[in-house]
Amino acid sequence: MEFTTIRGDLGAPLEDVAQEAVDATAATYARTPGVDVAATLREHLRGRGIDTTDATVEQLAEAIRAGREVRLGRHDGSVDPHP
């Protein structure tokens, strides 16, 4: 999986920030199963200053929809990864 920063320092390792976006997306999907997971994930990534390929977004979105645990880095606890 390939991630790039779209603005300066993220304040944490890139993988940890990406993990927060994945966890936030998974939490949203758990509360609202009809949500567009790929669009939500891309929004969370970009909101945190990260960009990635469409293929990576789709791969992560599929894992979230399937209920698989996605582990890219460590989350800081601001999002419960298992709501």
PDB file of N, CA and C in Angstrom:
ATOM      1  N   MET A   1       0.844  -1.170   0.000  1.00  0.00           N
ATOM      2  CA  MET A   1       0.000   0.000   0.000  1.00  0.00           C
ATOM      3  C   MET A   1       0.889   1.231   0.000  1.00  0.00           C
ATOM      4  N   GLU A   2       0.446   2.175  -0.758  1.00  0.00           N
ATOM      5  CA  GLU A   2       1.247   3.373  -0.963  1.00  0.00           C
ATOM      6  C   GLU A   2       0.487   4.592  -0.463  1.00  0.00           C
ATOM      7  N   PHE A   3       1.136   5.354   0.417  1.00  0.00           N
ATOM      8  CA  PHE A   3       0.556   6.579   0.945  1.00  0.00           C
ATOM      9  C   PHE A   3       1.546   7.714   0.754  1.00  0.00           C
ATOM     10  N   THR A   4       1.022   8.915   0.497  1.00  0.00           N
ATOM     11  CA  THR A   4       1.867  10.097   0.404  1.00  0.00           C
ATOM     12  C   THR A   4       1.216  11.216   1.204  1.00  0.00           C
ATOM     13  N   THR A   5       2.034  12.124   1.673  1.00  0.00           N
ATOM     14  CA  THR A   5       1.490  13.271   2.404  1.00  0.00           C
ATOM     15  C   THR A   5       1.142  14.367   1.412  1.00  0.00           C
ATOM     16  N   ILE A   6       0.059  15.068   1.688  1.00  0.00           N
ATOM     17  CA  ILE A   6      -0.351  16.152   0.800  1.00  0.00           C
ATOM     18  C   ILE A   6      -0.150  17.512   1.464  1.00  0.00           C
ATOM     19  N   ARG A   7       0.336  17.492   2.692  1.00  0.00           N
ATOM     20  CA  ARG A   7       0.746  18.724   3.357  1.00  0.00           C
ATOM     21  C   ARG A   7       1.883  18.373   4.298  1.00  0.00           C
ATOM     22  N   GLY A   8       2.460  19.339   4.914  1.00  0.00           N
ATOM     23  CA  GLY A   8       3.653  19.164   5.742  1.00  0.00           C
ATOM     24  C   GLY A   8       3.594  18.036   6.758  1.00  0.00           C
ATOM     25  N   ASP A   9       4.268  18.239   7.849  1.00  0.00           N
ATOM     26  CA  ASP A   9       4.395  17.243   8.907  1.00  0.00           C
ATOM     27  C   ASP A   9       3.028  16.827   9.428  1.00  0.00           C
ATOM     28  N   LEU A  10       2.818  15.524   9.520  1.00  0.00           N
ATOM     29  CA  LEU A  10       1.542  14.982   9.991  1.00  0.00           C
ATOM     30  C   LEU A  10       1.472  14.935  11.517  1.00  0.00           C
ATOM     31  N   GLY A  11       2.595  15.094  12.179  1.00  0.00           N
ATOM     32  CA  GLY A  11       2.617  15.062  13.635  1.00  0.00           C
ATOM     33  C   GLY A  11       2.728  13.660  14.209  1.00  0.00           C
ATOM     34  N   ALA A  12       2.761  12.668  13.357  1.00  0.00           N
ATOM     35  CA  ALA A  12       2.866  11.258  13.756  1.00  0.00           C
ATOM     36  C   ALA A  12       3.337  10.486  12.533  1.00  0.00           C
ATOM     37  N   PRO A  13       3.810   9.263  12.720  1.00  0.00           N
ATOM     38  CA  PRO A  13       4.198   8.461  11.558  1.00  0.00           C
ATOM     39  C   PRO A  13       3.033   8.298  10.581  1.00  0.00           C
ATOM     40  N   LEU A  14       3.350   8.334   9.306  1.00  0.00           N
ATOM     41  CA  LEU A  14       2.345   8.245   8.250  1.00  0.00           C
ATOM     42  C   LEU A  14       1.416   7.049   8.442  1.00  0.00           C
ATOM     43  N   GLU A  15       1.969   5.885   8.767  1.00  0.00           N
ATOM     44  CA  GLU A  15       1.157   4.678   8.941  1.00  0.00           C
ATOM     45  C   GLU A  15       0.185   4.817  10.115  1.00  0.00           C
ATOM     46  N   ASP A  16       0.609   5.520  11.172  1.00  0.00           N
ATOM     47  CA  ASP A  16      -0.274   5.716  12.320  1.00  0.00           C
ATOM     48  C   ASP A  16      -1.435   6.641  11.965  1.00  0.00           C
ATOM     49  N   VAL A  17      -1.153   7.675  11.202  1.00  0.00           N
ATOM     50  CA  VAL A  17      -2.207   8.598  10.770  1.00  0.00           C
ATOM     51  C   VAL A  17      -3.168   7.884   9.829  1.00  0.00           C
ATOM     52  N   ALA A  18      -2.633   7.069   8.931  1.00  0.00           N
ATOM     53  CA  ALA A  18      -3.488   6.284   8.031  1.00  0.00           C
ATOM     54  C   ALA A  18      -4.345   5.310   8.830  1.00  0.00           C
ATOM     55  N   GLN A  19      -3.796   4.737   9.890  1.00  0.00           N
ATOM     56  CA  GLN A  19      -4.555   3.825  10.747  1.00  0.00           C
ATOM     57  C   GLN A  19      -5.742   4.537  11.375  1.00  0.00           C
ATOM     58  N   GLU A  20      -5.527   5.763  11.822  1.00  0.00           N
ATOM     59  CA  GLU A  20      -6.628   6.544  12.390  1.00  0.00           C
ATOM     60  C   GLU A  20      -7.750   6.731  11.359  1.00  0.00           C
ATOM     61  N   ALA A  21      -7.391   6.993  10.104  1.00  0.00           N
ATOM     62  CA  ALA A  21      -8.394   7.155   9.051  1.00  0.00           C
ATOM     63  C   ALA A  21      -9.151   5.851   8.823  1.00  0.00           C
ATOM     64  N   VAL A  22      -8.453   4.735   8.811  1.00  0.00           N
ATOM     65  CA  VAL A  22      -9.093   3.431   8.641  1.00  0.00           C
ATOM     66  C   VAL A  22     -10.030   3.150   9.812  1.00  0.00           C
ATOM     67  N   ASP A  23      -9.558   3.395  11.030  1.00  0.00           N
ATOM     68  CA  ASP A  23     -10.393   3.144  12.207  1.00  0.00           C
ATOM     69  C   ASP A  23     -11.637   4.028  12.225  1.00  0.00           C
ATOM     70  N   ALA A  24     -11.477   5.288  11.846  1.00  0.00           N
ATOM     71  CA  ALA A  24     -12.632   6.194  11.789  1.00  0.00           C
ATOM     72  C   ALA A  24     -13.631   5.728  10.740  1.00  0.00           C
ATOM     73  N   THR A  25     -13.130   5.266   9.616  1.00  0.00           N
ATOM     74  CA  THR A  25     -14.007   4.762   8.552  1.00  0.00           C
ATOM     75  C   THR A  25     -14.737   3.510   9.007  1.00  0.00           C
ATOM     76  N   ALA A  26     -14.018   2.591   9.650  1.00  0.00           N
ATOM     77  CA  ALA A  26     -14.643   1.359  10.139  1.00  0.00           C
ATOM     78  C   ALA A  26     -15.721   1.671  11.170  1.00  0.00           C
ATOM     79  N   ALA A  27     -15.463   2.644  12.033  1.00  0.00           N
ATOM     80  CA  ALA A  27     -16.458   3.035  13.039  1.00  0.00           C
ATOM     81  C   ALA A  27     -17.693   3.628  12.368  1.00  0.00           C
ATOM     82  N   THR A  28     -17.491   4.454  11.355  1.00  0.00           N
ATOM     83  CA  THR A  28     -18.612   5.033  10.611  1.00  0.00           C
ATOM     84  C   THR A  28     -19.418   3.933   9.938  1.00  0.00           C
ATOM     85  N   TYR A  29     -18.735   2.985   9.313  1.00  0.00           N
ATOM     86  CA  TYR A  29     -19.409   1.882   8.623  1.00  0.00           C
ATOM     87  C   TYR A  29     -20.192   1.011   9.614  1.00  0.00           C
ATOM     88  N   ALA A  30     -19.667   0.806  10.801  1.00  0.00           N
ATOM     89  CA  ALA A  30     -20.365   0.004  11.806  1.00  0.00           C
ATOM     90  C   ALA A  30     -21.669   0.681  12.241  1.00  0.00           C
ATOM     91  N   ARG A  31     -21.658   2.010  12.297  1.00  0.00           N
ATOM     92  CA  ARG A  31     -22.862   2.756  12.698  1.00  0.00           C
ATOM     93  C   ARG A  31     -23.827   2.962  11.545  1.00  0.00           C
ATOM     94  N   THR A  32     -23.278   3.071  10.323  1.00  0.00           N
ATOM     95  CA  THR A  32     -24.075   3.398   9.142  1.00  0.00           C
ATOM     96  C   THR A  32     -23.665   2.474   8.003  1.00  0.00           C
ATOM     97  N   PRO A  33     -24.182   1.244   7.967  1.00  0.00           N
ATOM     98  CA  PRO A  33     -23.746   0.265   6.968  1.00  0.00           C
ATOM     99  C   PRO A  33     -23.942   0.696   5.512  1.00  0.00           C
ATOM    100  N   GLY A  34     -24.820   1.624   5.247  1.00  0.00           N
ATOM    101  CA  GLY A  34     -25.069   2.056   3.873  1.00  0.00           C
ATOM    102  C   GLY A  34     -24.093   3.094   3.361  1.00  0.00           C
ATOM    103  N   VAL A  35     -23.150   3.511   4.201  1.00  0.00           N
ATOM    104  CA  VAL A  35     -22.212   4.555   3.815  1.00  0.00           C
ATOM    105  C   VAL A  35     -21.283   4.047   2.696  1.00  0.00           C
ATOM    106  N   ASP A  36     -20.855   4.951   1.838  1.00  0.00           N
ATOM    107  CA  ASP A  36     -19.878   4.625   0.797  1.00  0.00           C
ATOM    108  C   ASP A  36     -18.513   4.547   1.481  1.00  0.00           C
ATOM    109  N   VAL A  37     -18.044   3.346   1.729  1.00  0.00           N
ATOM    110  CA  VAL A  37     -16.834   3.134   2.510  1.00  0.00           C
ATOM    111  C   VAL A  37     -15.614   3.740   1.822  1.00  0.00           C
ATOM    112  N   ALA A  38     -15.485   3.545   0.529  1.00  0.00           N
ATOM    113  CA  ALA A  38     -14.319   4.075  -0.190  1.00  0.00           C
ATOM    114  C   ALA A  38     -14.281   5.600  -0.131  1.00  0.00           C
ATOM    115  N   ALA A  39     -15.415   6.247  -0.362  1.00  0.00           N
ATOM    116  CA  ALA A  39     -15.468   7.708  -0.322  1.00  0.00           C
ATOM    117  C   ALA A  39     -15.197   8.225   1.089  1.00  0.00           C
ATOM    118  N   THR A  40     -15.749   7.539   2.079  1.00  0.00           N
ATOM    119  CA  THR A  40     -15.528   7.938   3.469  1.00  0.00           C
ATOM    120  C   THR A  40     -14.066   7.785   3.845  1.00  0.00           C
ATOM    121  N   LEU A  41     -13.457   6.681   3.443  1.00  0.00           N
ATOM    122  CA  LEU A  41     -12.044   6.466   3.734  1.00  0.00           C
ATOM    123  C   LEU A  41     -11.187   7.537   3.075  1.00  0.00           C
ATOM    124  N   ARG A  42     -11.444   7.805   1.804  1.00  0.00           N
ATOM    125  CA  ARG A  42     -10.658   8.841   1.115  1.00  0.00           C
ATOM    126  C   ARG A  42     -10.817  10.181   1.829  1.00  0.00           C
ATOM    127  N   GLU A  43     -12.020  10.503   2.263  1.00  0.00           N
ATOM    128  CA  GLU A  43     -12.263  11.761   2.983  1.00  0.00           C
ATOM    129  C   GLU A  43     -11.462  11.798   4.284  1.00  0.00           C
ATOM    130  N   HIS A  44     -11.475  10.705   5.035  1.00  0.00           N
ATOM    131  CA  HIS A  44     -10.717  10.652   6.287  1.00  0.00           C
ATOM    132  C   HIS A  44      -9.218  10.746   6.035  1.00  0.00           C
ATOM    133  N   LEU A  45      -8.732  10.092   5.003  1.00  0.00           N
ATOM    134  CA  LEU A  45      -7.307  10.172   4.679  1.00  0.00           C
ATOM    135  C   LEU A  45      -6.918  11.599   4.294  1.00  0.00           C
ATOM    136  N   ARG A  46      -7.655  12.183   3.386  1.00  0.00           N
ATOM    137  CA  ARG A  46      -7.331  13.541   2.932  1.00  0.00           C
ATOM    138  C   ARG A  46      -7.467  14.557   4.060  1.00  0.00           C
ATOM    139  N   GLY A  47      -8.458  14.361   4.909  1.00  0.00           N
ATOM    140  CA  GLY A  47      -8.620  15.254   6.054  1.00  0.00           C
ATOM    141  C   GLY A  47      -7.434  15.213   6.999  1.00  0.00           C
ATOM    142  N   ARG A  48      -6.693  14.122   6.956  1.00  0.00           N
ATOM    143  CA  ARG A  48      -5.507  13.964   7.794  1.00  0.00           C
ATOM    144  C   ARG A  48      -4.220  14.263   7.026  1.00  0.00           C
ATOM    145  N   GLY A  49      -4.369  14.697   5.775  1.00  0.00           N
ATOM    146  CA  GLY A  49      -3.200  15.079   4.992  1.00  0.00           C
ATOM    147  C   GLY A  49      -2.543  13.957   4.231  1.00  0.00           C
ATOM    148  N   ILE A  50      -3.310  12.905   3.905  1.00  0.00           N
ATOM    149  CA  ILE A  50      -2.760  11.734   3.220  1.00  0.00           C
ATOM    150  C   ILE A  50      -3.496  11.503   1.905  1.00  0.00           C
ATOM    151  N   ASP A  51      -2.739  11.109   0.893  1.00  0.00           N
ATOM    152  CA  ASP A  51      -3.328  10.692  -0.370  1.00  0.00           C
ATOM    153  C   ASP A  51      -2.826   9.285  -0.674  1.00  0.00           C
ATOM    154  N   THR A  52      -3.559   8.574  -1.493  1.00  0.00           N
ATOM    155  CA  THR A  52      -3.164   7.232  -1.900  1.00  0.00           C
ATOM    156  C   THR A  52      -3.824   6.906  -3.225  1.00  0.00           C
ATOM    157  N   THR A  53      -3.536   5.751  -3.742  1.00  0.00           N
ATOM    158  CA  THR A  53      -4.093   5.348  -5.029  1.00  0.00           C
ATOM    159  C   THR A  53      -5.527   4.837  -4.858  1.00  0.00           C
ATOM    160  N   ASP A  54      -6.264   4.843  -5.958  1.00  0.00           N
ATOM    161  CA  ASP A  54      -7.617   4.286  -5.938  1.00  0.00           C
ATOM    162  C   ASP A  54      -7.582   2.806  -5.568  1.00  0.00           C
ATOM    163  N   ALA A  55      -6.561   2.102  -6.050  1.00  0.00           N
ATOM    164  CA  ALA A  55      -6.445   0.670  -5.747  1.00  0.00           C
ATOM    165  C   ALA A  55      -6.264   0.436  -4.244  1.00  0.00           C
ATOM    166  N   THR A  56      -5.472   1.262  -3.590  1.00  0.00           N
ATOM    167  CA  THR A  56      -5.282   1.116  -2.144  1.00  0.00           C
ATOM    168  C   THR A  56      -6.575   1.415  -1.405  1.00  0.00           C
ATOM    169  N   VAL A  57      -7.264   2.473  -1.816  1.00  0.00           N
ATOM    170  CA  VAL A  57      -8.548   2.805  -1.170  1.00  0.00           C
ATOM    171  C   VAL A  57      -9.519   1.640  -1.320  1.00  0.00           C
ATOM    172  N   GLU A  58      -9.617   1.079  -2.520  1.00  0.00           N
ATOM    173  CA  GLU A  58     -10.550  -0.032  -2.750  1.00  0.00           C
ATOM    174  C   GLU A  58     -10.159  -1.264  -1.939  1.00  0.00           C
ATOM    175  N   GLN A  59      -8.875  -1.547  -1.853  1.00  0.00           N
ATOM    176  CA  GLN A  59      -8.410  -2.696  -1.070  1.00  0.00           C
ATOM    177  C   GLN A  59      -8.755  -2.524   0.407  1.00  0.00           C
ATOM    178  N   LEU A  60      -8.503  -1.340   0.935  1.00  0.00           N
ATOM    179  CA  LEU A  60      -8.822  -1.078   2.341  1.00  0.00           C
ATOM    180  C   LEU A  60     -10.333  -1.071   2.572  1.00  0.00           C
ATOM    181  N   ALA A  61     -11.081  -0.467   1.648  1.00  0.00           N
ATOM    182  CA  ALA A  61     -12.539  -0.416   1.779  1.00  0.00           C
ATOM    183  C   ALA A  61     -13.132  -1.817   1.783  1.00  0.00           C
ATOM    184  N   GLU A  62     -12.630  -2.687   0.931  1.00  0.00           N
ATOM    185  CA  GLU A  62     -13.114  -4.070   0.885  1.00  0.00           C
ATOM    186  C   GLU A  62     -12.854  -4.774   2.216  1.00  0.00           C
ATOM    187  N   ALA A  63     -11.683  -4.572   2.781  1.00  0.00           N
ATOM    188  CA  ALA A  63     -11.361  -5.188   4.073  1.00  0.00           C
ATOM    189  C   ALA A  63     -12.285  -4.666   5.168  1.00  0.00           C
ATOM    190  N   ILE A  64     -12.572  -3.379   5.155  1.00  0.00           N
ATOM    191  CA  ILE A  64     -13.476  -2.790   6.148  1.00  0.00           C
ATOM    192  C   ILE A  64     -14.873  -3.368   5.985  1.00  0.00           C
ATOM    193  N   ARG A  65     -15.363  -3.417   4.745  1.00  0.00           N
ATOM    194  CA  ARG A  65     -16.708  -3.968   4.506  1.00  0.00           C
ATOM    195  C   ARG A  65     -16.802  -5.431   4.922  1.00  0.00           C
ATOM    196  N   ALA A  66     -15.706  -6.178   4.767  1.00  0.00           N
ATOM    197  CA  ALA A  66     -15.688  -7.604   5.117  1.00  0.00           C
ATOM    198  C   ALA A  66     -15.496  -7.828   6.618  1.00  0.00           C
ATOM    199  N   GLY A  67     -15.239  -6.749   7.355  1.00  0.00           N
ATOM    200  CA  GLY A  67     -15.063  -6.876   8.792  1.00  0.00           C
ATOM    201  C   GLY A  67     -13.683  -7.364   9.202  1.00  0.00           C
ATOM    202  N   ARG A  68     -12.737  -7.342   8.256  1.00  0.00           N
ATOM    203  CA  ARG A  68     -11.375  -7.762   8.590  1.00  0.00           C
ATOM    204  C   ARG A  68     -10.637  -6.625   9.292  1.00  0.00           C
ATOM    205  N   GLU A  69      -9.781  -6.998  10.202  1.00  0.00           N
ATOM    206  CA  GLU A  69      -8.967  -5.996  10.882  1.00  0.00           C
ATOM    207  C   GLU A  69      -7.890  -5.508   9.925  1.00  0.00           C
ATOM    208  N   VAL A  70      -7.768  -4.203   9.820  1.00  0.00           N
ATOM    209  CA  VAL A  70      -6.750  -3.592   8.985  1.00  0.00           C
ATOM    210  C   VAL A  70      -5.717  -2.985   9.920  1.00  0.00           C
ATOM    211  N   ARG A  71      -4.479  -3.411   9.795  1.00  0.00           N
ATOM    212  CA  ARG A  71      -3.423  -2.918  10.669  1.00  0.00           C
ATOM    213  C   ARG A  71      -2.326  -2.299   9.815  1.00  0.00           C
ATOM    214  N   LEU A  72      -2.280  -0.974   9.793  1.00  0.00           N
ATOM    215  CA  LEU A  72      -1.262  -0.233   9.062  1.00  0.00           C
ATOM    216  C   LEU A  72      -0.228   0.343  10.020  1.00  0.00           C
ATOM    217  N   GLY A  73      -0.701   0.750  11.159  1.00  0.00           N
ATOM    218  CA  GLY A  73       0.135   1.377  12.177  1.00  0.00           C
ATOM    219  C   GLY A  73      -0.629   1.339  13.487  1.00  0.00           C
ATOM    220  N   ARG A  74      -0.264   2.209  14.395  1.00  0.00           N
ATOM    221  CA  ARG A  74      -0.938   2.270  15.693  1.00  0.00           C
ATOM    222  C   ARG A  74      -1.859   3.476  15.717  1.00  0.00           C
ATOM    223  N   HIS A  75      -3.023   3.322  16.305  1.00  0.00           N
ATOM    224  CA  HIS A  75      -3.904   4.488  16.455  1.00  0.00           C
ATOM    225  C   HIS A  75      -3.676   5.070  17.839  1.00  0.00           C
ATOM    226  N   ASP A  76      -4.014   6.338  17.989  1.00  0.00           N
ATOM    227  CA  ASP A  76      -3.724   7.033  19.247  1.00  0.00           C
ATOM    228  C   ASP A  76      -4.857   6.937  20.257  1.00  0.00           C
ATOM    229  N   GLY A  77      -5.879   6.178  19.953  1.00  0.00           N
ATOM    230  CA  GLY A  77      -6.988   6.034  20.887  1.00  0.00           C
ATOM    231  C   GLY A  77      -8.112   7.031  20.699  1.00  0.00           C
ATOM    232  N   SER A  78      -7.979   7.952  19.727  1.00  0.00           N
ATOM    233  CA  SER A  78      -9.030   8.939  19.532  1.00  0.00           C
ATOM    234  C   SER A  78     -10.252   8.362  18.840  1.00  0.00           C
ATOM    235  N   VAL A  79     -10.103   7.198  18.225  1.00  0.00           N
ATOM    236  CA  VAL A  79     -11.214   6.512  17.582  1.00  0.00           C
ATOM    237  C   VAL A  79     -11.231   5.081  18.088  1.00  0.00           C
ATOM    238  N   ASP A  80     -12.378   4.617  18.551  1.00  0.00           N
ATOM    239  CA  ASP A  80     -12.491   3.224  18.996  1.00  0.00           C
ATOM    240  C   ASP A  80     -12.537   2.341  17.757  1.00  0.00           C
ATOM    241  N   PRO A  81     -11.519   1.505  17.550  1.00  0.00           N
ATOM    242  CA  PRO A  81     -11.517   0.694  16.343  1.00  0.00           C
ATOM    243  C   PRO A  81     -12.548  -0.435  16.355  1.00  0.00           C
ATOM    244  N   HIS A  82     -13.171  -0.672  17.501  1.00  0.00           N
ATOM    245  CA  HIS A  82     -14.189  -1.726  17.623  1.00  0.00           C
ATOM    246  C   HIS A  82     -15.410  -1.180  18.347  1.00  0.00           C
ATOM    247  N   PRO A  83     -16.188  -0.332  17.641  1.00  0.00           N
ATOM    248  CA  PRO A  83     -17.346   0.310  18.301  1.00  0.00           C
ATOM    249  C   PRO A  83     -18.393  -0.708  18.722  1.00  0.00           C
TER     250      PRO A  83
END
